């Protein structure tokens, strides 16, 4: 296995992790901005107001996108990692 192959596998793995984490991070960003805007408009500075909605939204998105994440990881492992283990 050459350095180019190792870097290509690493690049593919990093891209898979970016694609998997993107829905969760996008929802956390949107909910954080909405809650921050709500806090700025109402002058409510409660710490649980920032944490609870963000955690609930992220858990909901994780539950909805879990099959997508699993299929992406399985495809990456099957198409990229297993052929390298088998010597291909």
PDB file of N, CA and C in Angstrom:
ATOM      1  N   UNK A   1       0.851  -1.164   0.000  1.00  0.00           N
ATOM      2  CA  UNK A   1       0.000   0.000   0.000  1.00  0.00           C
ATOM      3  C   UNK A   1       0.905   1.237   0.000  1.00  0.00           C
ATOM      4  N   UNK A   2       0.640   2.122  -0.926  1.00  0.00           N
ATOM      5  CA  UNK A   2       1.462   3.316  -1.061  1.00  0.00           C
ATOM      6  C   UNK A   2       0.882   4.461  -0.221  1.00  0.00           C
ATOM      7  N   UNK A   3       1.664   5.518  -0.126  1.00  0.00           N
ATOM      8  CA  UNK A   3       1.198   6.688   0.623  1.00  0.00           C
ATOM      9  C   UNK A   3      -0.037   7.310  -0.036  1.00  0.00           C
ATOM     10  N   UNK A   4      -0.074   7.301  -1.349  1.00  0.00           N
ATOM     11  CA  UNK A   4      -1.222   7.879  -2.050  1.00  0.00           C
ATOM     12  C   UNK A   4      -2.508   7.114  -1.722  1.00  0.00           C
ATOM     13  N   UNK A   5      -2.432   5.801  -1.642  1.00  0.00           N
ATOM     14  CA  UNK A   5      -3.611   5.011  -1.291  1.00  0.00           C
ATOM     15  C   UNK A   5      -4.044   5.287   0.141  1.00  0.00           C
ATOM     16  N   UNK A   6      -3.088   5.408   1.043  1.00  0.00           N
ATOM     17  CA  UNK A   6      -3.419   5.702   2.442  1.00  0.00           C
ATOM     18  C   UNK A   6      -4.092   7.068   2.553  1.00  0.00           C
ATOM     19  N   UNK A   7      -3.535   8.068   1.860  1.00  0.00           N
ATOM     20  CA  UNK A   7      -4.124   9.397   1.909  1.00  0.00           C
ATOM     21  C   UNK A   7      -5.508   9.420   1.262  1.00  0.00           C
ATOM     22  N   UNK A   8      -5.715   8.624   0.220  1.00  0.00           N
ATOM     23  CA  UNK A   8      -7.023   8.563  -0.426  1.00  0.00           C
ATOM     24  C   UNK A   8      -8.056   7.935   0.506  1.00  0.00           C
ATOM     25  N   UNK A   9      -7.678   6.873   1.202  1.00  0.00           N
ATOM     26  CA  UNK A   9      -8.597   6.244   2.160  1.00  0.00           C
ATOM     27  C   UNK A   9      -8.896   7.204   3.306  1.00  0.00           C
ATOM     28  N   UNK A  10      -7.877   7.906   3.772  1.00  0.00           N
ATOM     29  CA  UNK A  10      -8.074   8.882   4.840  1.00  0.00           C
ATOM     30  C   UNK A  10      -8.995  10.009   4.383  1.00  0.00           C
ATOM     31  N   UNK A  11      -8.807  10.485   3.153  1.00  0.00           N
ATOM     32  CA  UNK A  11      -9.662  11.534   2.612  1.00  0.00           C
ATOM     33  C   UNK A  11     -11.106  11.056   2.518  1.00  0.00           C
ATOM     34  N   UNK A  12     -11.304   9.829   2.041  1.00  0.00           N
ATOM     35  CA  UNK A  12     -12.659   9.296   1.942  1.00  0.00           C
ATOM     36  C   UNK A  12     -13.302   9.139   3.320  1.00  0.00           C
ATOM     37  N   UNK A  13     -12.520   8.700   4.283  1.00  0.00           N
ATOM     38  CA  UNK A  13     -13.045   8.561   5.641  1.00  0.00           C
ATOM     39  C   UNK A  13     -13.411   9.895   6.265  1.00  0.00           C
ATOM     40  N   UNK A  14     -12.575  10.905   6.054  1.00  0.00           N
ATOM     41  CA  UNK A  14     -12.890  12.227   6.576  1.00  0.00           C
ATOM     42  C   UNK A  14     -14.123  12.813   5.898  1.00  0.00           C
ATOM     43  N   UNK A  15     -14.244  12.592   4.584  1.00  0.00           N
ATOM     44  CA  UNK A  15     -15.425  13.094   3.886  1.00  0.00           C
ATOM     45  C   UNK A  15     -16.690  12.387   4.382  1.00  0.00           C
ATOM     46  N   UNK A  16     -16.595  11.085   4.638  1.00  0.00           N
ATOM     47  CA  UNK A  16     -17.751  10.349   5.170  1.00  0.00           C
ATOM     48  C   UNK A  16     -18.142  10.902   6.541  1.00  0.00           C
ATOM     49  N   UNK A  17     -17.163  11.232   7.370  1.00  0.00           N
ATOM     50  CA  UNK A  17     -17.479  11.787   8.687  1.00  0.00           C
ATOM     51  C   UNK A  17     -18.102  13.179   8.570  1.00  0.00           C
ATOM     52  N   UNK A  18     -17.679  13.965   7.591  1.00  0.00           N
ATOM     53  CA  UNK A  18     -18.284  15.283   7.373  1.00  0.00           C
ATOM     54  C   UNK A  18     -19.737  15.131   6.937  1.00  0.00           C
ATOM     55  N   UNK A  19     -19.985  14.209   6.020  1.00  0.00           N
ATOM     56  CA  UNK A  19     -21.358  14.001   5.527  1.00  0.00           C
ATOM     57  C   UNK A  19     -22.249  13.465   6.642  1.00  0.00           C
ATOM     58  N   UNK A  20     -21.708  12.602   7.484  1.00  0.00           N
ATOM     59  CA  UNK A  20     -22.505  12.043   8.577  1.00  0.00           C
ATOM     60  C   UNK A  20     -22.827  13.096   9.624  1.00  0.00           C
ATOM     61  N   UNK A  21     -21.866  13.950   9.938  1.00  0.00           N
ATOM     62  CA  UNK A  21     -22.087  14.925  11.004  1.00  0.00           C
ATOM     63  C   UNK A  21     -22.809  16.187  10.531  1.00  0.00           C
ATOM     64  N   UNK A  22     -22.915  16.410   9.242  1.00  0.00           N
ATOM     65  CA  UNK A  22     -23.510  17.648   8.733  1.00  0.00           C
ATOM     66  C   UNK A  22     -24.954  17.875   9.192  1.00  0.00           C
ATOM     67  N   UNK A  23     -25.848  16.889   9.146  1.00  0.00           N
ATOM     68  CA  UNK A  23     -27.218  17.170   9.604  1.00  0.00           C
ATOM     69  C   UNK A  23     -27.288  17.574  11.073  1.00  0.00           C
ATOM     70  N   UNK A  24     -26.528  16.891  11.919  1.00  0.00           N
ATOM     71  CA  UNK A  24     -26.550  17.233  13.341  1.00  0.00           C
ATOM     72  C   UNK A  24     -25.991  18.628  13.598  1.00  0.00           C
ATOM     73  N   UNK A  25     -24.887  18.950  12.947  1.00  0.00           N
ATOM     74  CA  UNK A  25     -24.281  20.263  13.152  1.00  0.00           C
ATOM     75  C   UNK A  25     -25.144  21.384  12.586  1.00  0.00           C
ATOM     76  N   UNK A  26     -25.796  21.127  11.460  1.00  0.00           N
ATOM     77  CA  UNK A  26     -26.675  22.143  10.878  1.00  0.00           C
ATOM     78  C   UNK A  26     -27.865  22.427  11.788  1.00  0.00           C
ATOM     79  N   UNK A  27     -28.450  21.383  12.349  1.00  0.00           N
ATOM     80  CA  UNK A  27     -29.589  21.577  13.257  1.00  0.00           C
ATOM     81  C   UNK A  27     -29.138  22.286  14.525  1.00  0.00           C
ATOM     82  N   UNK A  28     -27.975  21.920  15.051  1.00  0.00           N
ATOM     83  CA  UNK A  28     -27.473  22.597  16.247  1.00  0.00           C
ATOM     84  C   UNK A  28     -27.230  24.077  15.967  1.00  0.00           C
ATOM     85  N   UNK A  29     -26.715  24.389  14.795  1.00  0.00           N
ATOM     86  CA  UNK A  29     -26.479  25.788  14.430  1.00  0.00           C
ATOM     87  C   UNK A  29     -27.783  26.562  14.316  1.00  0.00           C
ATOM     88  N   UNK A  30     -28.749  25.997  13.613  1.00  0.00           N
ATOM     89  CA  UNK A  30     -30.024  26.694  13.406  1.00  0.00           C
ATOM     90  C   UNK A  30     -30.759  26.880  14.736  1.00  0.00           C
ATOM     91  N   UNK A  31     -30.835  25.841  15.546  1.00  0.00           N
ATOM     92  CA  UNK A  31     -31.522  25.957  16.831  1.00  0.00           C
ATOM     93  C   UNK A  31     -30.784  26.923  17.747  1.00  0.00           C
ATOM     94  N   UNK A  32     -29.459  26.899  17.737  1.00  0.00           N
ATOM     95  CA  UNK A  32     -28.695  27.834  18.554  1.00  0.00           C
ATOM     96  C   UNK A  32     -28.922  29.277  18.154  1.00  0.00           C
ATOM     97  N   UNK A  33     -28.986  29.547  16.859  1.00  0.00           N
ATOM     98  CA  UNK A  33     -29.240  30.918  16.394  1.00  0.00           C
ATOM     99  C   UNK A  33     -30.658  31.353  16.752  1.00  0.00           C
ATOM    100  N   UNK A  34     -31.617  30.464  16.577  1.00  0.00           N
ATOM    101  CA  UNK A  34     -33.007  30.813  16.903  1.00  0.00           C
ATOM    102  C   UNK A  34     -33.162  31.077  18.398  1.00  0.00           C
ATOM    103  N   UNK A  35     -32.591  30.219  19.225  1.00  0.00           N
ATOM    104  CA  UNK A  35     -32.694  30.413  20.673  1.00  0.00           C
ATOM    105  C   UNK A  35     -31.931  31.667  21.094  1.00  0.00           C
ATOM    106  N   UNK A  36     -30.770  31.905  20.509  1.00  0.00           N
ATOM    107  CA  UNK A  36     -30.018  33.118  20.821  1.00  0.00           C
ATOM    108  C   UNK A  36     -30.771  34.374  20.434  1.00  0.00           C
ATOM    109  N   UNK A  37     -31.428  34.333  19.281  1.00  0.00           N
ATOM    110  CA  UNK A  37     -32.244  35.466  18.853  1.00  0.00           C
ATOM    111  C   UNK A  37     -33.416  35.673  19.800  1.00  0.00           C
ATOM    112  N   UNK A  38     -34.047  34.576  20.211  1.00  0.00           N
ATOM    113  CA  UNK A  38     -35.153  34.664  21.167  1.00  0.00           C
ATOM    114  C   UNK A  38     -34.679  35.249  22.492  1.00  0.00           C
ATOM    115  N   UNK A  39     -33.508  34.819  22.952  1.00  0.00           N
ATOM    116  CA  UNK A  39     -32.987  35.353  24.206  1.00  0.00           C
ATOM    117  C   UNK A  39     -32.631  36.838  24.084  1.00  0.00           C
ATOM    118  N   UNK A  40     -32.103  37.227  22.950  1.00  0.00           N
ATOM    119  CA  UNK A  40     -31.755  38.636  22.765  1.00  0.00           C
ATOM    120  C   UNK A  40     -33.001  39.511  22.685  1.00  0.00           C
ATOM    121  N   UNK A  41     -34.051  38.987  22.071  1.00  0.00           N
ATOM    122  CA  UNK A  41     -35.279  39.781  21.934  1.00  0.00           C
ATOM    123  C   UNK A  41     -36.060  39.889  23.232  1.00  0.00           C
ATOM    124  N   UNK A  42     -36.000  38.850  24.067  1.00  0.00           N
ATOM    125  CA  UNK A  42     -36.805  38.848  25.287  1.00  0.00           C
ATOM    126  C   UNK A  42     -35.989  39.111  26.543  1.00  0.00           C
ATOM    127  N   UNK A  43     -34.680  39.198  26.434  1.00  0.00           N
ATOM    128  CA  UNK A  43     -33.782  39.408  27.579  1.00  0.00           C
ATOM    129  C   UNK A  43     -33.888  38.293  28.617  1.00  0.00           C
ATOM    130  N   UNK A  44     -34.216  37.102  28.172  1.00  0.00           N
ATOM    131  CA  UNK A  44     -34.243  35.934  29.048  1.00  0.00           C
ATOM    132  C   UNK A  44     -32.887  35.261  28.939  1.00  0.00           C
ATOM    133  N   UNK A  45     -32.170  35.161  30.041  1.00  0.00           N
ATOM    134  CA  UNK A  45     -30.829  34.578  30.020  1.00  0.00           C
ATOM    135  C   UNK A  45     -30.795  33.294  30.847  1.00  0.00           C
ATOM    136  N   UNK A  46     -31.607  32.353  30.480  1.00  0.00           N
ATOM    137  CA  UNK A  46     -31.672  31.071  31.173  1.00  0.00           C
ATOM    138  C   UNK A  46     -30.787  30.064  30.455  1.00  0.00           C
ATOM    139  N   UNK A  47     -29.907  29.390  31.189  1.00  0.00           N
ATOM    140  CA  UNK A  47     -28.963  28.449  30.572  1.00  0.00           C
ATOM    141  C   UNK A  47     -29.657  27.216  30.007  1.00  0.00           C
ATOM    142  N   UNK A  48     -30.702  26.735  30.677  1.00  0.00           N
ATOM    143  CA  UNK A  48     -31.391  25.545  30.168  1.00  0.00           C
ATOM    144  C   UNK A  48     -32.144  25.850  28.885  1.00  0.00           C
ATOM    145  N   UNK A  49     -32.458  27.116  28.655  1.00  0.00           N
ATOM    146  CA  UNK A  49     -33.155  27.486  27.423  1.00  0.00           C
ATOM    147  C   UNK A  49     -32.269  27.277  26.201  1.00  0.00           C
ATOM    148  N   UNK A  50     -30.970  27.357  26.367  1.00  0.00           N
ATOM    149  CA  UNK A  50     -30.081  27.110  25.229  1.00  0.00           C
ATOM    150  C   UNK A  50     -29.785  25.631  25.058  1.00  0.00           C
ATOM    151  N   UNK A  51     -29.728  24.884  26.148  1.00  0.00           N
ATOM    152  CA  UNK A  51     -29.309  23.491  26.069  1.00  0.00           C
ATOM    153  C   UNK A  51     -30.434  22.537  25.692  1.00  0.00           C
ATOM    154  N   UNK A  52     -31.563  22.647  26.313  1.00  0.00           N
ATOM    155  CA  UNK A  52     -32.642  21.666  26.147  1.00  0.00           C
ATOM    156  C   UNK A  52     -33.194  21.635  24.725  1.00  0.00           C
ATOM    157  N   UNK A  53     -33.541  22.772  24.109  1.00  0.00           N
ATOM    158  CA  UNK A  53     -34.043  22.684  22.726  1.00  0.00           C
ATOM    159  C   UNK A  53     -33.003  22.158  21.747  1.00  0.00           C
ATOM    160  N   UNK A  54     -31.752  22.549  21.950  1.00  0.00           N
ATOM    161  CA  UNK A  54     -30.690  22.082  21.056  1.00  0.00           C
ATOM    162  C   UNK A  54     -30.500  20.573  21.195  1.00  0.00           C
ATOM    163  N   UNK A  55     -30.490  20.071  22.417  1.00  0.00           N
ATOM    164  CA  UNK A  55     -30.333  18.636  22.637  1.00  0.00           C
ATOM    165  C   UNK A  55     -31.516  17.856  22.077  1.00  0.00           C
ATOM    166  N   UNK A  56     -32.721  18.381  22.274  1.00  0.00           N
ATOM    167  CA  UNK A  56     -33.914  17.696  21.766  1.00  0.00           C
ATOM    168  C   UNK A  56     -33.929  17.671  20.240  1.00  0.00           C
ATOM    169  N   UNK A  57     -33.581  18.777  19.615  1.00  0.00           N
ATOM    170  CA  UNK A  57     -33.558  18.825  18.153  1.00  0.00           C
ATOM    171  C   UNK A  57     -32.484  17.902  17.595  1.00  0.00           C
ATOM    172  N   UNK A  58     -31.321  17.870  18.233  1.00  0.00           N
ATOM    173  CA  UNK A  58     -30.249  16.995  17.749  1.00  0.00           C
ATOM    174  C   UNK A  58     -30.614  15.524  17.920  1.00  0.00           C
ATOM    175  N   UNK A  59     -31.272  15.177  19.021  1.00  0.00           N
ATOM    176  CA  UNK A  59     -31.699  13.783  19.194  1.00  0.00           C
ATOM    177  C   UNK A  59     -32.746  13.404  18.149  1.00  0.00           C
ATOM    178  N   UNK A  60     -33.666  14.317  17.841  1.00  0.00           N
ATOM    179  CA  UNK A  60     -34.684  14.029  16.823  1.00  0.00           C
ATOM    180  C   UNK A  60     -34.044  13.839  15.448  1.00  0.00           C
ATOM    181  N   UNK A  61     -33.113  14.712  15.094  1.00  0.00           N
ATOM    182  CA  UNK A  61     -32.447  14.582  13.794  1.00  0.00           C
ATOM    183  C   UNK A  61     -31.596  13.324  13.754  1.00  0.00           C
ATOM    184  N   UNK A  62     -30.939  13.001  14.852  1.00  0.00           N
ATOM    185  CA  UNK A  62     -30.152  11.767  14.895  1.00  0.00           C
ATOM    186  C   UNK A  62     -31.044  10.554  14.702  1.00  0.00           C
ATOM    187  N   UNK A  63     -32.206  10.557  15.329  1.00  0.00           N
ATOM    188  CA  UNK A  63     -33.119   9.434  15.202  1.00  0.00           C
ATOM    189  C   UNK A  63     -33.635   9.303  13.766  1.00  0.00           C
ATOM    190  N   UNK A  64     -33.930  10.433  13.132  1.00  0.00           N
ATOM    191  CA  UNK A  64     -34.441  10.412  11.760  1.00  0.00           C
ATOM    192  C   UNK A  64     -33.348   9.998  10.768  1.00  0.00           C
ATOM    193  N   UNK A  65     -32.134  10.471  10.959  1.00  0.00           N
ATOM    194  CA  UNK A  65     -31.067  10.219   9.984  1.00  0.00           C
ATOM    195  C   UNK A  65     -30.168   9.045  10.341  1.00  0.00           C
ATOM    196  N   UNK A  66     -30.541   8.266  11.327  1.00  0.00           N
ATOM    197  CA  UNK A  66     -29.705   7.147  11.743  1.00  0.00           C
ATOM    198  C   UNK A  66     -29.535   6.105  10.637  1.00  0.00           C
ATOM    199  N   UNK A  67     -30.565   5.826   9.879  1.00  0.00           N
ATOM    200  CA  UNK A  67     -30.443   4.827   8.806  1.00  0.00           C
ATOM    201  C   UNK A  67     -29.517   5.333   7.701  1.00  0.00           C
ATOM    202  N   UNK A  68     -29.586   6.629   7.394  1.00  0.00           N
ATOM    203  CA  UNK A  68     -28.681   7.217   6.411  1.00  0.00           C
ATOM    204  C   UNK A  68     -27.233   7.115   6.879  1.00  0.00           C
ATOM    205  N   UNK A  69     -26.994   7.444   8.136  1.00  0.00           N
ATOM    206  CA  UNK A  69     -25.641   7.382   8.678  1.00  0.00           C
ATOM    207  C   UNK A  69     -25.102   5.954   8.661  1.00  0.00           C
ATOM    208  N   UNK A  70     -25.941   5.015   9.054  1.00  0.00           N
ATOM    209  CA  UNK A  70     -25.510   3.616   9.082  1.00  0.00           C
ATOM    210  C   UNK A  70     -25.225   3.100   7.681  1.00  0.00           C
ATOM    211  N   UNK A  71     -26.082   3.417   6.732  1.00  0.00           N
ATOM    212  CA  UNK A  71     -25.850   2.933   5.367  1.00  0.00           C
ATOM    213  C   UNK A  71     -24.596   3.553   4.762  1.00  0.00           C
ATOM    214  N   UNK A  72     -24.314   4.811   5.079  1.00  0.00           N
ATOM    215  CA  UNK A  72     -23.093   5.446   4.580  1.00  0.00           C
ATOM    216  C   UNK A  72     -21.848   4.797   5.175  1.00  0.00           C
ATOM    217  N   UNK A  73     -21.867   4.513   6.474  1.00  0.00           N
ATOM    218  CA  UNK A  73     -20.720   3.859   7.099  1.00  0.00           C
ATOM    219  C   UNK A  73     -20.522   2.445   6.580  1.00  0.00           C
ATOM    220  N   UNK A  74     -21.610   1.716   6.400  1.00  0.00           N
ATOM    221  CA  UNK A  74     -21.506   0.352   5.877  1.00  0.00           C
ATOM    222  C   UNK A  74     -20.975   0.369   4.451  1.00  0.00           C
ATOM    223  N   UNK A  75     -21.451   1.299   3.636  1.00  0.00           N
ATOM    224  CA  UNK A  75     -20.952   1.401   2.260  1.00  0.00           C
ATOM    225  C   UNK A  75     -19.481   1.778   2.230  1.00  0.00           C
ATOM    226  N   UNK A  76     -19.061   2.702   3.080  1.00  0.00           N
ATOM    227  CA  UNK A  76     -17.655   3.078   3.143  1.00  0.00           C
ATOM    228  C   UNK A  76     -16.797   1.895   3.564  1.00  0.00           C
ATOM    229  N   UNK A  77     -17.238   1.178   4.581  1.00  0.00           N
ATOM    230  CA  UNK A  77     -16.475   0.024   5.065  1.00  0.00           C
ATOM    231  C   UNK A  77     -16.424  -1.073   4.008  1.00  0.00           C
ATOM    232  N   UNK A  78     -17.571  -1.330   3.369  1.00  0.00           N
ATOM    233  CA  UNK A  78     -17.639  -2.412   2.388  1.00  0.00           C
ATOM    234  C   UNK A  78     -16.856  -2.079   1.125  1.00  0.00           C
ATOM    235  N   UNK A  79     -16.941  -0.839   0.649  1.00  0.00           N
ATOM    236  CA  UNK A  79     -16.312  -0.466  -0.615  1.00  0.00           C
ATOM    237  C   UNK A  79     -14.852  -0.054  -0.477  1.00  0.00           C
ATOM    238  N   UNK A  80     -14.454   0.449   0.684  1.00  0.00           N
ATOM    239  CA  UNK A  80     -13.110   1.007   0.826  1.00  0.00           C
ATOM    240  C   UNK A  80     -12.222   0.194   1.756  1.00  0.00           C
ATOM    241  N   UNK A  81     -12.716  -0.120   2.932  1.00  0.00           N
ATOM    242  CA  UNK A  81     -11.868  -0.750   3.939  1.00  0.00           C
ATOM    243  C   UNK A  81     -11.707  -2.242   3.691  1.00  0.00           C
ATOM    244  N   UNK A  82     -12.787  -2.956   3.424  1.00  0.00           N
ATOM    245  CA  UNK A  82     -12.691  -4.412   3.225  1.00  0.00           C
ATOM    246  C   UNK A  82     -11.785  -4.808   2.060  1.00  0.00           C
ATOM    247  N   UNK A  83     -11.836  -4.130   0.910  1.00  0.00           N
ATOM    248  CA  UNK A  83     -10.888  -4.500  -0.150  1.00  0.00           C
ATOM    249  C   UNK A  83      -9.428  -4.298   0.257  1.00  0.00           C
ATOM    250  N   UNK A  84      -9.150  -3.315   1.080  1.00  0.00           N
ATOM    251  CA  UNK A  84      -7.770  -3.112   1.542  1.00  0.00           C
ATOM    252  C   UNK A  84      -7.359  -4.195   2.527  1.00  0.00           C
ATOM    253  N   UNK A  85      -8.284  -4.634   3.364  1.00  0.00           N
ATOM    254  CA  UNK A  85      -7.989  -5.717   4.299  1.00  0.00           C
ATOM    255  C   UNK A  85      -7.755  -7.016   3.536  1.00  0.00           C
ATOM    256  N   UNK A  86      -8.561  -7.243   2.490  1.00  0.00           N
ATOM    257  CA  UNK A  86      -8.446  -8.467   1.705  1.00  0.00           C
ATOM    258  C   UNK A  86      -7.215  -8.442   0.788  1.00  0.00           C
ATOM    259  N   UNK A  87      -6.558  -7.311   0.717  1.00  0.00           N
ATOM    260  CA  UNK A  87      -5.352  -7.238  -0.091  1.00  0.00           C
ATOM    261  C   UNK A  87      -5.574  -6.706  -1.486  1.00  0.00           C
ATOM    262  N   UNK A  88      -6.659  -5.999  -1.701  1.00  0.00           N
ATOM    263  CA  UNK A  88      -6.979  -5.509  -3.032  1.00  0.00           C
ATOM    264  C   UNK A  88      -6.499  -4.189  -3.291  1.00  0.00           C
TER     265      UNK A  88
END
